[in-house]
Amino acid sequence: MKVYGSTASPFVQRVLMAARIKGHELPVEPPPGGMQSDEFLAISPMARIPVLNDDGWTLPESAAIVAYLEDVLDGPSLLSGTPKERAHARLIETLASHELAGLRPLMVCKVFRMRDEPVLVEEAITTVGVGLAAIEKARDASHVWAAGDQPSVADCLLVPLFTLMEIIDPMAGTLALIAEQPGLAAYRDRAFATDIGGRSHREMKEAFAAIMARRQQAQ
């Protein structure tokens, strides 16, 4: 079992964190043939990473991969507790996935500067801020992790997304949005201080720094 992608991607880290919580390590390899190759498009219809390869069987999209890992890997559950507690973890995961989607246009416009659209950037900042406020309201501040006292599917997404917000802060000013939500800011600090959360945080920052260095050299 292996993952096609880059450890700089929050969605690749989502998968790696899920596997690690369950006690497993998944190797990461570049997409076969490159992101836009026919070979990769055959296994990832949207040309996105990550893609899981399980002995020749492939599965794209990080949410689907995390659900699959929960089903096939032994180890601690990513959705433990009562049905209500599991539903709460799914709620936080869904809010993070849907409401923090504004980070994508910030990457396009402010980090990689592929487009110059100030209105889109302003809308994205607003969307992310509203999403963080919703997550702050939805979670229980007494929980150690995002949706309980054990890491879950919610943390597998929130930790990488918070790392991304730290990485792009010099260009996009995203850390101020987290600071507006004291419960989430405290959660982030706790998660980054753990072995699993800290490892994801470090790996992602190091890989992203390497990508930006290569881009600068190419320019």
N, C-alpha and C. Protein backbone atom coordinates (compact mmCIF):
# COMPACT_ATOMS: atom_id res chain seq x y z
N MET A 1 0.85 -1.18 0.00
CA MET A 1 0.00 0.00 0.00
C MET A 1 0.89 1.24 0.00
N LYS A 2 0.59 2.20 -0.89
CA LYS A 2 1.36 3.44 -0.97
C LYS A 2 0.46 4.57 -1.44
N VAL A 3 1.00 5.78 -1.31
CA VAL A 3 0.24 6.98 -1.68
C VAL A 3 0.99 7.73 -2.76
N TYR A 4 0.28 8.12 -3.82
CA TYR A 4 0.86 8.99 -4.83
C TYR A 4 0.54 10.43 -4.43
N GLY A 5 1.59 11.26 -4.38
CA GLY A 5 1.36 12.65 -4.02
C GLY A 5 2.62 13.30 -3.53
N SER A 6 2.46 14.33 -2.72
CA SER A 6 3.57 15.08 -2.13
C SER A 6 3.23 15.36 -0.67
N THR A 7 4.21 15.26 0.20
CA THR A 7 3.96 15.52 1.61
C THR A 7 3.71 17.00 1.89
N ALA A 8 3.86 17.85 0.87
CA ALA A 8 3.49 19.27 1.02
C ALA A 8 1.99 19.47 0.96
N SER A 9 1.25 18.49 0.44
CA SER A 9 -0.19 18.62 0.28
C SER A 9 -0.93 18.34 1.58
N PRO A 10 -1.85 19.22 1.99
CA PRO A 10 -2.62 18.93 3.21
C PRO A 10 -3.49 17.68 3.05
N PHE A 11 -3.86 17.36 1.82
CA PHE A 11 -4.73 16.21 1.61
C PHE A 11 -3.94 14.91 1.61
N VAL A 12 -2.70 14.96 1.20
CA VAL A 12 -1.81 13.81 1.38
C VAL A 12 -1.55 13.61 2.87
N GLN A 13 -1.29 14.70 3.59
CA GLN A 13 -1.07 14.59 5.03
C GLN A 13 -2.31 14.07 5.75
N ARG A 14 -3.48 14.40 5.24
CA ARG A 14 -4.73 13.87 5.81
C ARG A 14 -4.70 12.35 5.81
N VAL A 15 -4.27 11.77 4.72
CA VAL A 15 -4.21 10.32 4.58
C VAL A 15 -3.10 9.74 5.46
N LEU A 16 -1.93 10.39 5.45
CA LEU A 16 -0.82 9.89 6.25
C LEU A 16 -1.14 9.92 7.74
N MET A 17 -1.80 11.00 8.19
CA MET A 17 -2.18 11.08 9.60
C MET A 17 -3.17 9.98 9.96
N ALA A 18 -4.11 9.70 9.08
CA ALA A 18 -5.09 8.65 9.34
C ALA A 18 -4.39 7.31 9.53
N ALA A 19 -3.46 7.01 8.63
CA ALA A 19 -2.73 5.74 8.74
C ALA A 19 -1.90 5.70 10.02
N ARG A 20 -1.26 6.81 10.35
CA ARG A 20 -0.40 6.83 11.54
C ARG A 20 -1.19 6.71 12.82
N ILE A 21 -2.35 7.32 12.88
CA ILE A 21 -3.21 7.17 14.06
C ILE A 21 -3.54 5.69 14.28
N LYS A 22 -3.69 4.97 13.19
CA LYS A 22 -4.00 3.55 13.28
C LYS A 22 -2.74 2.68 13.42
N GLY A 23 -1.56 3.33 13.43
CA GLY A 23 -0.32 2.60 13.68
C GLY A 23 0.38 2.11 12.44
N HIS A 24 0.13 2.73 11.30
CA HIS A 24 0.71 2.28 10.04
C HIS A 24 1.44 3.43 9.34
N GLU A 25 2.46 3.08 8.57
CA GLU A 25 3.19 4.05 7.76
C GLU A 25 2.94 3.75 6.28
N LEU A 26 2.62 4.77 5.52
CA LEU A 26 2.40 4.63 4.10
C LEU A 26 3.48 5.39 3.33
N PRO A 27 4.21 4.73 2.44
CA PRO A 27 5.20 5.45 1.64
C PRO A 27 4.51 6.38 0.65
N VAL A 28 5.17 7.49 0.33
CA VAL A 28 4.65 8.47 -0.61
C VAL A 28 5.55 8.50 -1.84
N GLU A 29 4.94 8.39 -3.01
CA GLU A 29 5.67 8.44 -4.27
C GLU A 29 5.05 9.50 -5.18
N PRO A 30 5.84 10.07 -6.11
CA PRO A 30 5.29 11.05 -7.05
C PRO A 30 4.21 10.40 -7.93
N PRO A 31 3.26 11.18 -8.42
CA PRO A 31 2.24 10.64 -9.32
C PRO A 31 2.90 10.00 -10.54
N PRO A 32 2.52 8.80 -10.90
CA PRO A 32 3.15 8.13 -12.05
C PRO A 32 2.92 8.91 -13.35
N GLY A 33 4.01 9.26 -14.00
CA GLY A 33 3.91 9.99 -15.25
C GLY A 33 3.75 11.49 -15.10
N GLY A 34 3.53 11.97 -13.86
CA GLY A 34 3.28 13.39 -13.64
C GLY A 34 1.80 13.69 -13.50
N MET A 35 1.48 14.82 -12.90
CA MET A 35 0.10 15.16 -12.54
C MET A 35 -0.85 15.19 -13.74
N GLN A 36 -0.37 15.62 -14.90
CA GLN A 36 -1.25 15.78 -16.06
C GLN A 36 -1.09 14.65 -17.08
N SER A 37 -0.39 13.61 -16.72
CA SER A 37 -0.16 12.51 -17.66
C SER A 37 -1.42 11.66 -17.82
N ASP A 38 -1.52 11.01 -18.95
CA ASP A 38 -2.64 10.09 -19.18
C ASP A 38 -2.64 8.97 -18.14
N GLU A 39 -1.45 8.55 -17.75
CA GLU A 39 -1.33 7.47 -16.76
C GLU A 39 -1.95 7.89 -15.43
N PHE A 40 -1.67 9.13 -14.99
CA PHE A 40 -2.23 9.57 -13.72
C PHE A 40 -3.71 9.90 -13.85
N LEU A 41 -4.12 10.50 -14.97
CA LEU A 41 -5.53 10.81 -15.18
C LEU A 41 -6.39 9.55 -15.18
N ALA A 42 -5.79 8.44 -15.55
CA ALA A 42 -6.54 7.18 -15.57
C ALA A 42 -6.91 6.72 -14.16
N ILE A 43 -6.15 7.18 -13.14
CA ILE A 43 -6.45 6.76 -11.77
C ILE A 43 -6.92 7.92 -10.90
N SER A 44 -6.85 9.15 -11.42
CA SER A 44 -7.32 10.31 -10.69
C SER A 44 -8.05 11.22 -11.67
N PRO A 45 -9.35 11.06 -11.83
CA PRO A 45 -10.09 11.77 -12.88
C PRO A 45 -9.95 13.29 -12.82
N MET A 46 -9.75 13.86 -11.62
CA MET A 46 -9.60 15.31 -11.48
C MET A 46 -8.12 15.73 -11.42
N ALA A 47 -7.23 14.77 -11.67
CA ALA A 47 -5.78 15.04 -11.63
C ALA A 47 -5.35 15.61 -10.29
N ARG A 48 -5.90 15.06 -9.20
CA ARG A 48 -5.59 15.53 -7.86
C ARG A 48 -4.84 14.46 -7.08
N ILE A 49 -4.05 14.93 -6.15
CA ILE A 49 -3.44 14.04 -5.17
C ILE A 49 -4.18 14.23 -3.84
N PRO A 50 -4.20 13.15 -3.05
CA PRO A 50 -3.51 11.88 -3.18
C PRO A 50 -4.33 10.84 -3.95
N VAL A 51 -3.61 9.79 -4.35
CA VAL A 51 -4.24 8.56 -4.83
C VAL A 51 -3.61 7.41 -4.07
N LEU A 52 -4.44 6.52 -3.53
CA LEU A 52 -3.94 5.34 -2.83
C LEU A 52 -3.79 4.19 -3.81
N ASN A 53 -2.67 3.49 -3.72
CA ASN A 53 -2.45 2.27 -4.48
C ASN A 53 -2.33 1.12 -3.50
N ASP A 54 -3.32 0.25 -3.51
CA ASP A 54 -3.33 -0.91 -2.62
C ASP A 54 -3.17 -2.16 -3.47
N ASP A 55 -1.90 -2.55 -3.66
CA ASP A 55 -1.58 -3.75 -4.43
C ASP A 55 -2.19 -3.70 -5.84
N GLY A 56 -2.07 -2.53 -6.48
CA GLY A 56 -2.54 -2.38 -7.86
C GLY A 56 -3.93 -1.80 -7.99
N TRP A 57 -4.70 -1.83 -6.91
CA TRP A 57 -6.04 -1.20 -6.91
C TRP A 57 -5.89 0.23 -6.45
N THR A 58 -6.45 1.18 -7.17
CA THR A 58 -6.23 2.59 -6.85
C THR A 58 -7.53 3.27 -6.42
N LEU A 59 -7.36 4.27 -5.57
CA LEU A 59 -8.49 5.05 -5.05
C LEU A 59 -8.07 6.50 -4.91
N PRO A 60 -8.74 7.44 -5.62
CA PRO A 60 -8.43 8.85 -5.46
C PRO A 60 -9.30 9.51 -4.38
N GLU A 61 -8.98 10.76 -4.08
CA GLU A 61 -9.73 11.62 -3.16
C GLU A 61 -9.49 11.23 -1.70
N SER A 62 -8.99 12.21 -0.93
CA SER A 62 -8.52 11.94 0.43
C SER A 62 -9.62 11.44 1.36
N ALA A 63 -10.83 11.98 1.25
CA ALA A 63 -11.91 11.54 2.15
C ALA A 63 -12.23 10.06 1.93
N ALA A 64 -12.29 9.65 0.67
CA ALA A 64 -12.57 8.25 0.36
C ALA A 64 -11.43 7.35 0.84
N ILE A 65 -10.20 7.83 0.71
CA ILE A 65 -9.05 7.04 1.14
C ILE A 65 -9.07 6.85 2.65
N VAL A 66 -9.34 7.93 3.40
CA VAL A 66 -9.37 7.83 4.86
C VAL A 66 -10.45 6.83 5.30
N ALA A 67 -11.61 6.88 4.67
CA ALA A 67 -12.67 5.94 5.01
C ALA A 67 -12.25 4.50 4.71
N TYR A 68 -11.54 4.31 3.60
CA TYR A 68 -11.05 2.98 3.24
C TYR A 68 -10.03 2.48 4.27
N LEU A 69 -9.10 3.36 4.66
CA LEU A 69 -8.10 2.96 5.65
C LEU A 69 -8.75 2.56 6.97
N GLU A 70 -9.79 3.28 7.35
CA GLU A 70 -10.51 2.94 8.57
C GLU A 70 -11.09 1.52 8.47
N ASP A 71 -11.53 1.14 7.28
CA ASP A 71 -12.14 -0.17 7.09
C ASP A 71 -11.12 -1.30 7.03
N VAL A 72 -9.94 -1.05 6.45
CA VAL A 72 -9.04 -2.17 6.14
C VAL A 72 -7.82 -2.27 7.07
N LEU A 73 -7.46 -1.20 7.76
CA LEU A 73 -6.28 -1.26 8.62
C LEU A 73 -6.68 -1.55 10.06
N ASP A 74 -5.87 -2.39 10.72
CA ASP A 74 -6.11 -2.60 12.14
C ASP A 74 -5.55 -1.42 12.92
N GLY A 75 -5.84 -1.39 14.20
CA GLY A 75 -5.37 -0.30 15.03
C GLY A 75 -6.52 0.55 15.55
N PRO A 76 -6.21 1.61 16.28
CA PRO A 76 -7.26 2.47 16.86
C PRO A 76 -8.19 3.03 15.80
N SER A 77 -9.46 3.15 16.15
CA SER A 77 -10.44 3.65 15.20
C SER A 77 -10.31 5.15 15.02
N LEU A 78 -10.58 5.61 13.80
CA LEU A 78 -10.64 7.05 13.51
C LEU A 78 -12.00 7.63 13.85
N LEU A 79 -12.94 6.75 14.22
CA LEU A 79 -14.29 7.17 14.59
C LEU A 79 -14.75 6.34 15.77
N SER A 80 -14.18 6.63 16.92
CA SER A 80 -14.50 5.84 18.11
C SER A 80 -15.60 6.53 18.91
N GLY A 81 -16.09 5.81 19.92
CA GLY A 81 -17.11 6.37 20.80
C GLY A 81 -18.51 5.98 20.42
N THR A 82 -19.46 6.72 20.94
CA THR A 82 -20.88 6.45 20.69
C THR A 82 -21.26 6.96 19.30
N PRO A 83 -22.43 6.56 18.80
CA PRO A 83 -22.88 7.11 17.51
C PRO A 83 -22.92 8.63 17.49
N LYS A 84 -23.32 9.25 18.59
CA LYS A 84 -23.36 10.71 18.64
C LYS A 84 -21.95 11.30 18.58
N GLU A 85 -21.00 10.65 19.27
CA GLU A 85 -19.62 11.14 19.23
C GLU A 85 -19.01 10.96 17.85
N ARG A 86 -19.33 9.87 17.19
CA ARG A 86 -18.82 9.66 15.83
C ARG A 86 -19.44 10.67 14.87
N ALA A 87 -20.72 10.95 15.05
CA ALA A 87 -21.38 11.93 14.20
C ALA A 87 -20.76 13.31 14.39
N HIS A 88 -20.39 13.62 15.62
CA HIS A 88 -19.77 14.92 15.89
C HIS A 88 -18.42 15.03 15.19
N ALA A 89 -17.63 13.96 15.20
CA ALA A 89 -16.35 13.97 14.50
C ALA A 89 -16.56 14.17 13.00
N ARG A 90 -17.57 13.51 12.45
CA ARG A 90 -17.87 13.69 11.01
C ARG A 90 -18.32 15.12 10.73
N LEU A 91 -19.05 15.72 11.66
CA LEU A 91 -19.49 17.10 11.49
C LEU A 91 -18.29 18.04 11.39
N ILE A 92 -17.35 17.93 12.32
CA ILE A 92 -16.18 18.80 12.30
C ILE A 92 -15.37 18.56 11.02
N GLU A 93 -15.24 17.31 10.64
CA GLU A 93 -14.52 16.98 9.39
C GLU A 93 -15.21 17.63 8.19
N THR A 94 -16.53 17.54 8.14
CA THR A 94 -17.28 18.09 7.00
C THR A 94 -17.19 19.61 6.97
N LEU A 95 -17.29 20.25 8.12
CA LEU A 95 -17.15 21.70 8.16
C LEU A 95 -15.77 22.14 7.68
N ALA A 96 -14.74 21.43 8.11
CA ALA A 96 -13.39 21.77 7.67
C ALA A 96 -13.24 21.59 6.16
N SER A 97 -13.81 20.51 5.64
CA SER A 97 -13.68 20.22 4.21
C SER A 97 -14.43 21.23 3.37
N HIS A 98 -15.65 21.58 3.77
CA HIS A 98 -16.49 22.44 2.94
C HIS A 98 -16.24 23.93 3.18
N GLU A 99 -16.11 24.31 4.44
CA GLU A 99 -16.08 25.73 4.76
C GLU A 99 -14.69 26.36 4.68
N LEU A 100 -13.64 25.54 4.68
CA LEU A 100 -12.29 26.08 4.54
C LEU A 100 -11.78 25.95 3.11
N ALA A 101 -12.69 25.69 2.19
CA ALA A 101 -12.30 25.55 0.78
C ALA A 101 -11.75 26.85 0.20
N GLY A 102 -11.99 27.97 0.88
CA GLY A 102 -11.45 29.24 0.42
C GLY A 102 -9.94 29.29 0.42
N LEU A 103 -9.29 28.33 1.05
CA LEU A 103 -7.83 28.31 1.01
C LEU A 103 -7.31 28.04 -0.40
N ARG A 104 -8.07 27.34 -1.22
CA ARG A 104 -7.61 27.01 -2.57
C ARG A 104 -7.39 28.27 -3.42
N PRO A 105 -8.36 29.20 -3.50
CA PRO A 105 -8.09 30.41 -4.27
C PRO A 105 -6.97 31.27 -3.69
N LEU A 106 -6.75 31.20 -2.38
CA LEU A 106 -5.63 31.92 -1.79
C LEU A 106 -4.30 31.34 -2.29
N MET A 107 -4.25 30.04 -2.43
CA MET A 107 -3.04 29.41 -2.98
C MET A 107 -2.81 29.86 -4.41
N VAL A 108 -3.88 29.88 -5.19
CA VAL A 108 -3.77 30.24 -6.60
C VAL A 108 -3.36 31.70 -6.79
N CYS A 109 -3.99 32.59 -6.02
CA CYS A 109 -3.81 34.02 -6.25
C CYS A 109 -2.66 34.64 -5.44
N LYS A 110 -2.49 34.21 -4.19
CA LYS A 110 -1.53 34.88 -3.31
C LYS A 110 -0.20 34.14 -3.20
N VAL A 111 -0.23 32.81 -3.29
CA VAL A 111 0.99 32.04 -3.10
C VAL A 111 1.69 31.78 -4.43
N PHE A 112 0.98 31.15 -5.35
CA PHE A 112 1.58 30.82 -6.64
C PHE A 112 1.38 31.91 -7.69
N ARG A 113 0.53 32.90 -7.37
CA ARG A 113 0.31 34.07 -8.24
C ARG A 113 -0.01 33.68 -9.68
N MET A 114 -0.88 32.68 -9.80
CA MET A 114 -1.32 32.24 -11.12
C MET A 114 -2.41 33.15 -11.68
N ARG A 115 -3.11 33.86 -10.78
CA ARG A 115 -4.16 34.80 -11.18
C ARG A 115 -4.12 36.01 -10.26
N ASP A 116 -4.56 37.14 -10.77
CA ASP A 116 -4.61 38.37 -9.98
C ASP A 116 -6.08 38.79 -9.87
N GLU A 117 -6.73 38.33 -8.80
CA GLU A 117 -8.15 38.60 -8.62
C GLU A 117 -8.41 39.02 -7.18
N PRO A 118 -8.24 40.31 -6.88
CA PRO A 118 -8.43 40.79 -5.50
C PRO A 118 -9.80 40.48 -4.92
N VAL A 119 -10.84 40.54 -5.75
CA VAL A 119 -12.18 40.25 -5.24
C VAL A 119 -12.28 38.80 -4.81
N LEU A 120 -11.72 37.89 -5.59
CA LEU A 120 -11.73 36.48 -5.24
C LEU A 120 -10.97 36.24 -3.94
N VAL A 121 -9.85 36.93 -3.78
CA VAL A 121 -9.07 36.78 -2.55
C VAL A 121 -9.87 37.27 -1.35
N GLU A 122 -10.52 38.42 -1.49
CA GLU A 122 -11.32 38.96 -0.39
C GLU A 122 -12.45 38.01 -0.02
N GLU A 123 -13.10 37.45 -1.02
CA GLU A 123 -14.17 36.49 -0.76
C GLU A 123 -13.64 35.24 -0.08
N ALA A 124 -12.45 34.79 -0.49
CA ALA A 124 -11.86 33.60 0.09
C ALA A 124 -11.53 33.82 1.56
N ILE A 125 -10.96 34.98 1.89
CA ILE A 125 -10.64 35.29 3.28
C ILE A 125 -11.91 35.29 4.13
N THR A 126 -12.96 35.88 3.59
CA THR A 126 -14.24 35.91 4.31
C THR A 126 -14.78 34.50 4.52
N THR A 127 -14.72 33.69 3.48
CA THR A 127 -15.22 32.32 3.56
C THR A 127 -14.48 31.52 4.62
N VAL A 128 -13.16 31.62 4.64
CA VAL A 128 -12.36 30.88 5.61
C VAL A 128 -12.66 31.38 7.02
N GLY A 129 -12.78 32.69 7.19
CA GLY A 129 -13.09 33.23 8.51
C GLY A 129 -14.43 32.74 9.04
N VAL A 130 -15.43 32.75 8.17
CA VAL A 130 -16.76 32.25 8.57
C VAL A 130 -16.69 30.76 8.90
N GLY A 131 -15.92 30.01 8.10
CA GLY A 131 -15.78 28.58 8.35
C GLY A 131 -15.13 28.28 9.68
N LEU A 132 -14.08 29.02 10.00
CA LEU A 132 -13.42 28.82 11.29
C LEU A 132 -14.35 29.15 12.45
N ALA A 133 -15.14 30.20 12.30
CA ALA A 133 -16.10 30.56 13.35
C ALA A 133 -17.13 29.45 13.53
N ALA A 134 -17.55 28.83 12.43
CA ALA A 134 -18.52 27.74 12.51
C ALA A 134 -17.92 26.53 13.23
N ILE A 135 -16.67 26.21 12.93
CA ILE A 135 -16.01 25.08 13.59
C ILE A 135 -15.83 25.38 15.07
N GLU A 136 -15.47 26.62 15.41
CA GLU A 136 -15.33 27.02 16.81
C GLU A 136 -16.63 26.79 17.57
N LYS A 137 -17.74 27.15 16.96
CA LYS A 137 -19.04 26.98 17.62
C LYS A 137 -19.44 25.51 17.72
N ALA A 138 -19.06 24.73 16.71
CA ALA A 138 -19.52 23.34 16.64
C ALA A 138 -18.78 22.42 17.59
N ARG A 139 -17.52 22.72 17.87
CA ARG A 139 -16.75 21.79 18.69
C ARG A 139 -16.88 22.11 20.18
N ASP A 140 -16.54 21.14 20.99
CA ASP A 140 -16.57 21.27 22.44
C ASP A 140 -15.18 21.71 22.88
N ALA A 141 -15.07 22.89 23.46
CA ALA A 141 -13.77 23.44 23.84
C ALA A 141 -13.05 22.59 24.88
N SER A 142 -13.78 21.72 25.58
CA SER A 142 -13.14 20.89 26.59
C SER A 142 -12.43 19.69 25.98
N HIS A 143 -12.67 19.42 24.70
CA HIS A 143 -12.03 18.28 24.05
C HIS A 143 -10.56 18.57 23.79
N VAL A 144 -9.73 17.57 23.99
CA VAL A 144 -8.30 17.71 23.71
C VAL A 144 -8.06 17.81 22.21
N TRP A 145 -8.71 16.93 21.45
CA TRP A 145 -8.58 16.93 20.01
C TRP A 145 -9.79 17.64 19.39
N ALA A 146 -9.92 17.59 18.10
CA ALA A 146 -10.94 18.38 17.42
C ALA A 146 -12.35 17.97 17.82
N ALA A 147 -12.56 16.68 18.04
CA ALA A 147 -13.91 16.20 18.32
C ALA A 147 -13.92 15.14 19.40
N GLY A 148 -13.03 15.25 20.36
CA GLY A 148 -12.98 14.28 21.44
C GLY A 148 -11.63 14.28 22.10
N ASP A 149 -11.37 13.28 22.91
CA ASP A 149 -10.10 13.19 23.61
C ASP A 149 -9.13 12.23 22.95
N GLN A 150 -9.51 11.71 21.78
CA GLN A 150 -8.63 10.90 20.95
C GLN A 150 -8.67 11.48 19.54
N PRO A 151 -7.57 11.37 18.78
CA PRO A 151 -7.57 11.89 17.41
C PRO A 151 -8.56 11.14 16.53
N SER A 152 -9.16 11.85 15.58
CA SER A 152 -10.19 11.27 14.73
C SER A 152 -10.03 11.78 13.30
N VAL A 153 -11.01 11.42 12.48
CA VAL A 153 -11.00 11.88 11.09
C VAL A 153 -10.97 13.41 11.01
N ALA A 154 -11.53 14.08 12.01
CA ALA A 154 -11.55 15.55 12.01
C ALA A 154 -10.13 16.11 12.11
N ASP A 155 -9.30 15.52 12.96
CA ASP A 155 -7.93 16.00 13.14
C ASP A 155 -7.09 15.74 11.90
N CYS A 156 -7.37 14.64 11.22
CA CYS A 156 -6.60 14.30 10.02
C CYS A 156 -6.71 15.40 8.97
N LEU A 157 -7.79 16.16 8.98
CA LEU A 157 -7.94 17.27 8.04
C LEU A 157 -7.58 18.61 8.66
N LEU A 158 -7.99 18.85 9.89
CA LEU A 158 -7.75 20.16 10.51
C LEU A 158 -6.27 20.44 10.71
N VAL A 159 -5.51 19.47 11.16
CA VAL A 159 -4.08 19.70 11.42
C VAL A 159 -3.35 20.12 10.14
N PRO A 160 -3.52 19.41 9.02
CA PRO A 160 -2.86 19.86 7.78
C PRO A 160 -3.37 21.21 7.28
N LEU A 161 -4.66 21.48 7.42
CA LEU A 161 -5.18 22.76 6.96
C LEU A 161 -4.65 23.91 7.81
N PHE A 162 -4.52 23.70 9.11
CA PHE A 162 -3.95 24.73 9.97
C PHE A 162 -2.46 24.93 9.65
N THR A 163 -1.78 23.84 9.29
CA THR A 163 -0.39 23.98 8.86
C THR A 163 -0.31 24.79 7.58
N LEU A 164 -1.20 24.52 6.64
CA LEU A 164 -1.22 25.29 5.41
C LEU A 164 -1.45 26.77 5.68
N MET A 165 -2.35 27.09 6.61
CA MET A 165 -2.62 28.48 6.94
C MET A 165 -1.39 29.15 7.54
N GLU A 166 -0.60 28.40 8.27
CA GLU A 166 0.66 28.94 8.80
C GLU A 166 1.66 29.19 7.67
N ILE A 167 1.74 28.24 6.74
CA ILE A 167 2.69 28.34 5.64
C ILE A 167 2.40 29.56 4.77
N ILE A 168 1.13 29.78 4.45
CA ILE A 168 0.79 30.84 3.52
C ILE A 168 0.54 32.18 4.20
N ASP A 169 0.66 32.21 5.52
CA ASP A 169 0.36 33.45 6.25
C ASP A 169 1.16 34.67 5.75
N PRO A 170 2.46 34.53 5.45
CA PRO A 170 3.19 35.72 4.98
C PRO A 170 2.59 36.33 3.71
N MET A 171 1.96 35.51 2.88
CA MET A 171 1.36 36.01 1.65
C MET A 171 -0.13 36.33 1.80
N ALA A 172 -0.81 35.61 2.67
CA ALA A 172 -2.27 35.69 2.71
C ALA A 172 -2.85 36.18 4.04
N GLY A 173 -2.03 36.31 5.08
CA GLY A 173 -2.53 36.80 6.36
C GLY A 173 -3.54 35.90 7.03
N THR A 174 -3.33 34.59 6.94
CA THR A 174 -4.33 33.63 7.41
C THR A 174 -4.25 33.33 8.91
N LEU A 175 -3.11 33.54 9.54
CA LEU A 175 -3.01 33.22 10.97
C LEU A 175 -3.92 34.11 11.81
N ALA A 176 -4.16 35.32 11.36
CA ALA A 176 -5.05 36.22 12.11
C ALA A 176 -6.46 35.65 12.18
N LEU A 177 -6.86 34.89 11.16
CA LEU A 177 -8.19 34.30 11.15
C LEU A 177 -8.32 33.24 12.25
N ILE A 178 -7.26 32.47 12.47
CA ILE A 178 -7.28 31.47 13.54
C ILE A 178 -7.26 32.16 14.90
N ALA A 179 -6.48 33.23 15.02
CA ALA A 179 -6.37 33.94 16.30
C ALA A 179 -7.72 34.51 16.75
N GLU A 180 -8.62 34.74 15.81
CA GLU A 180 -9.95 35.25 16.16
C GLU A 180 -10.80 34.20 16.85
N GLN A 181 -10.37 32.93 16.79
CA GLN A 181 -11.12 31.82 17.40
C GLN A 181 -10.23 31.19 18.48
N PRO A 182 -10.30 31.66 19.71
CA PRO A 182 -9.35 31.21 20.75
C PRO A 182 -9.39 29.71 21.02
N GLY A 183 -10.56 29.11 20.92
CA GLY A 183 -10.64 27.67 21.15
C GLY A 183 -9.88 26.90 20.09
N LEU A 184 -10.02 27.29 18.83
CA LEU A 184 -9.30 26.64 17.74
C LEU A 184 -7.81 26.92 17.81
N ALA A 185 -7.45 28.13 18.21
CA ALA A 185 -6.03 28.46 18.34
C ALA A 185 -5.37 27.58 19.40
N ALA A 186 -6.07 27.37 20.51
CA ALA A 186 -5.54 26.50 21.57
C ALA A 186 -5.47 25.06 21.10
N TYR A 187 -6.49 24.61 20.38
CA TYR A 187 -6.48 23.25 19.83
C TYR A 187 -5.31 23.06 18.89
N ARG A 188 -5.11 24.03 17.99
CA ARG A 188 -4.00 23.93 17.04
C ARG A 188 -2.67 23.77 17.76
N ASP A 189 -2.43 24.58 18.78
CA ASP A 189 -1.17 24.50 19.51
C ASP A 189 -1.01 23.14 20.17
N ARG A 190 -2.08 22.60 20.73
CA ARG A 190 -2.00 21.27 21.35
C ARG A 190 -1.71 20.21 20.30
N ALA A 191 -2.40 20.28 19.17
CA ALA A 191 -2.23 19.27 18.13
C ALA A 191 -0.82 19.30 17.56
N PHE A 192 -0.27 20.50 17.34
CA PHE A 192 1.09 20.61 16.81
C PHE A 192 2.12 20.09 17.80
N ALA A 193 1.79 20.09 19.10
CA ALA A 193 2.73 19.64 20.12
C ALA A 193 2.74 18.12 20.28
N THR A 194 1.78 17.42 19.67
CA THR A 194 1.75 15.96 19.76
C THR A 194 2.71 15.34 18.75
N ASP A 195 3.03 14.07 18.95
CA ASP A 195 3.94 13.39 18.03
C ASP A 195 3.35 13.33 16.62
N ILE A 196 2.09 12.90 16.52
CA ILE A 196 1.49 12.72 15.20
C ILE A 196 1.21 14.07 14.53
N GLY A 197 0.61 14.99 15.27
CA GLY A 197 0.34 16.30 14.70
C GLY A 197 1.61 17.06 14.38
N GLY A 198 2.60 17.00 15.27
CA GLY A 198 3.86 17.68 15.04
C GLY A 198 4.61 17.14 13.85
N ARG A 199 4.54 15.84 13.65
CA ARG A 199 5.22 15.25 12.50
C ARG A 199 4.60 15.73 11.20
N SER A 200 3.29 15.72 11.12
CA SER A 200 2.60 16.21 9.93
C SER A 200 2.94 17.67 9.66
N HIS A 201 2.94 18.46 10.72
CA HIS A 201 3.26 19.88 10.64
C HIS A 201 4.66 20.09 10.07
N ARG A 202 5.65 19.36 10.59
CA ARG A 202 7.03 19.52 10.13
C ARG A 202 7.21 19.03 8.70
N GLU A 203 6.68 17.87 8.40
CA GLU A 203 6.83 17.31 7.06
C GLU A 203 6.25 18.24 6.00
N MET A 204 5.10 18.76 6.28
CA MET A 204 4.42 19.61 5.31
C MET A 204 5.19 20.91 5.09
N LYS A 205 5.65 21.53 6.18
CA LYS A 205 6.40 22.77 6.05
C LYS A 205 7.71 22.56 5.29
N GLU A 206 8.41 21.48 5.59
CA GLU A 206 9.68 21.21 4.92
C GLU A 206 9.47 20.95 3.43
N ALA A 207 8.45 20.17 3.10
CA ALA A 207 8.19 19.85 1.70
C ALA A 207 7.75 21.09 0.93
N PHE A 208 6.94 21.93 1.56
CA PHE A 208 6.47 23.14 0.89
C PHE A 208 7.63 24.11 0.67
N ALA A 209 8.51 24.23 1.65
CA ALA A 209 9.68 25.10 1.50
C ALA A 209 10.55 24.64 0.34
N ALA A 210 10.69 23.32 0.17
CA ALA A 210 11.48 22.80 -0.94
C ALA A 210 10.84 23.13 -2.28
N ILE A 211 9.51 23.06 -2.35
CA ILE A 211 8.81 23.40 -3.59
C ILE A 211 9.03 24.88 -3.93
N MET A 212 8.90 25.75 -2.96
CA MET A 212 9.07 27.17 -3.22
C MET A 212 10.50 27.49 -3.61
N ALA A 213 11.47 26.79 -3.02
CA ALA A 213 12.87 27.00 -3.39
C ALA A 213 13.11 26.60 -4.85
N ARG A 214 12.52 25.49 -5.26
CA ARG A 214 12.68 25.06 -6.66
C ARG A 214 12.03 26.06 -7.61
N ARG A 215 10.88 26.61 -7.22
CA ARG A 215 10.22 27.60 -8.06
C ARG A 215 11.07 28.86 -8.21
N GLN A 216 11.70 29.27 -7.13
CA GLN A 216 12.55 30.47 -7.19
C GLN A 216 13.77 30.23 -8.07
N GLN A 217 14.34 29.04 -7.98
CA GLN A 217 15.48 28.72 -8.83
C GLN A 217 15.10 28.70 -10.29
N ALA A 218 13.90 28.18 -10.57
CA ALA A 218 13.45 28.11 -11.95
C ALA A 218 13.20 29.49 -12.55
N GLN A 219 12.83 30.43 -11.69
CA GLN A 219 12.57 31.80 -12.16
C GLN A 219 13.88 32.57 -12.39
